[in-house]
């Protein structure tokens, strides 16, 4: 399990804030309960190349490791 997955999970507001997370090519597409608790600076510190927000959907651009990170985050939840 990667500490990067843990950092991303925490930055997204923790497991309780995540409704759904799925990999989408180079991104983690995440639906959250409360987008205001998502910490973009912490996501970037964890290695995210970018963060795209649209309402309760937060896409974390992580590159080709999206599949592995999504699995690790689901395991942590």
Protein backbone atom coordinates (compact mmCIF):
# COMPACT_ATOMS: atom_id res chain seq x y z
CA UNK A 1 0.00 0.00 0.00
CA UNK A 2 1.44 3.36 -0.96
CA UNK A 3 1.75 6.26 1.42
CA UNK A 4 0.82 8.36 -1.62
CA UNK A 5 -2.61 6.71 -1.61
CA UNK A 6 -2.93 7.52 2.10
CA UNK A 7 -1.96 11.16 1.53
CA UNK A 8 -4.49 11.49 -1.30
CA UNK A 9 -7.23 9.86 0.79
CA UNK A 10 -6.59 12.27 3.67
CA UNK A 11 -6.43 15.28 1.31
CA UNK A 12 -9.81 14.28 -0.14
CA UNK A 13 -11.31 14.60 3.34
CA UNK A 14 -10.92 10.97 4.42
CA UNK A 15 -12.91 7.83 3.64
CA UNK A 16 -16.10 9.29 5.13
CA UNK A 17 -16.06 12.12 2.58
CA UNK A 18 -15.67 9.87 -0.46
CA UNK A 19 -18.82 8.62 -2.16
CA UNK A 20 -17.04 6.98 -5.09
CA UNK A 21 -13.54 6.84 -6.54
CA UNK A 22 -12.56 5.39 -9.89
CA UNK A 23 -9.53 5.60 -12.16
CA UNK A 24 -10.01 7.33 -15.51
CA UNK A 25 -6.86 7.01 -17.67
CA UNK A 26 -4.54 9.48 -15.86
CA UNK A 27 -6.97 10.71 -13.20
CA UNK A 28 -8.75 9.65 -10.08
CA UNK A 29 -12.37 10.67 -10.56
CA UNK A 30 -13.82 11.13 -7.09
CA UNK A 31 -17.27 12.08 -5.89
CA UNK A 32 -17.25 13.61 -2.41
CA UNK A 33 -19.89 14.60 0.14
CA UNK A 34 -18.24 17.93 1.03
CA UNK A 35 -15.94 19.47 -1.60
CA UNK A 36 -14.95 22.27 0.80
CA UNK A 37 -12.78 19.89 2.88
CA UNK A 38 -10.69 18.78 -0.12
CA UNK A 39 -7.14 20.10 0.36
CA UNK A 40 -5.69 20.90 -3.08
CA UNK A 41 -2.29 21.87 -1.67
CA UNK A 42 -2.03 18.49 0.09
CA UNK A 43 -3.07 16.67 -3.10
CA UNK A 44 -0.30 18.45 -5.01
CA UNK A 45 2.17 17.74 -2.19
CA UNK A 46 1.23 14.04 -2.54
CA UNK A 47 2.25 14.17 -6.19
CA UNK A 48 -0.92 15.20 -8.03
CA UNK A 49 -0.19 17.11 -11.25
CA UNK A 50 -3.47 18.99 -10.96
CA UNK A 51 -6.93 19.08 -9.41
CA UNK A 52 -10.13 19.71 -11.37
CA UNK A 53 -13.33 20.47 -9.48
CA UNK A 54 -16.91 20.42 -10.73
CA UNK A 55 -19.42 20.54 -7.88
CA UNK A 56 -19.04 17.37 -5.81
CA UNK A 57 -16.74 15.74 -8.38
CA UNK A 58 -13.02 16.18 -7.83
CA UNK A 59 -10.60 14.82 -10.43
CA UNK A 60 -7.04 14.32 -9.21
CA UNK A 61 -4.55 14.17 -12.10
CA UNK A 62 -1.95 11.57 -11.11
CA UNK A 63 -0.66 10.18 -14.39
CA UNK A 64 -0.40 6.52 -15.39
CA UNK A 65 -0.53 5.22 -11.81
CA UNK A 66 -4.24 6.13 -11.46
CA UNK A 67 -5.38 2.47 -11.52
CA UNK A 68 -2.98 1.41 -8.77
CA UNK A 69 -3.72 4.44 -6.62
CA UNK A 70 -7.49 3.93 -6.91
CA UNK A 71 -7.08 0.30 -5.78
CA UNK A 72 -4.87 1.33 -2.86
CA UNK A 73 -7.31 4.05 -1.78
CA UNK A 74 -10.25 1.62 -1.96
CA UNK A 75 -8.27 -0.82 0.20
CA UNK A 76 -7.73 1.95 2.78
CA UNK A 77 -11.46 2.70 2.86
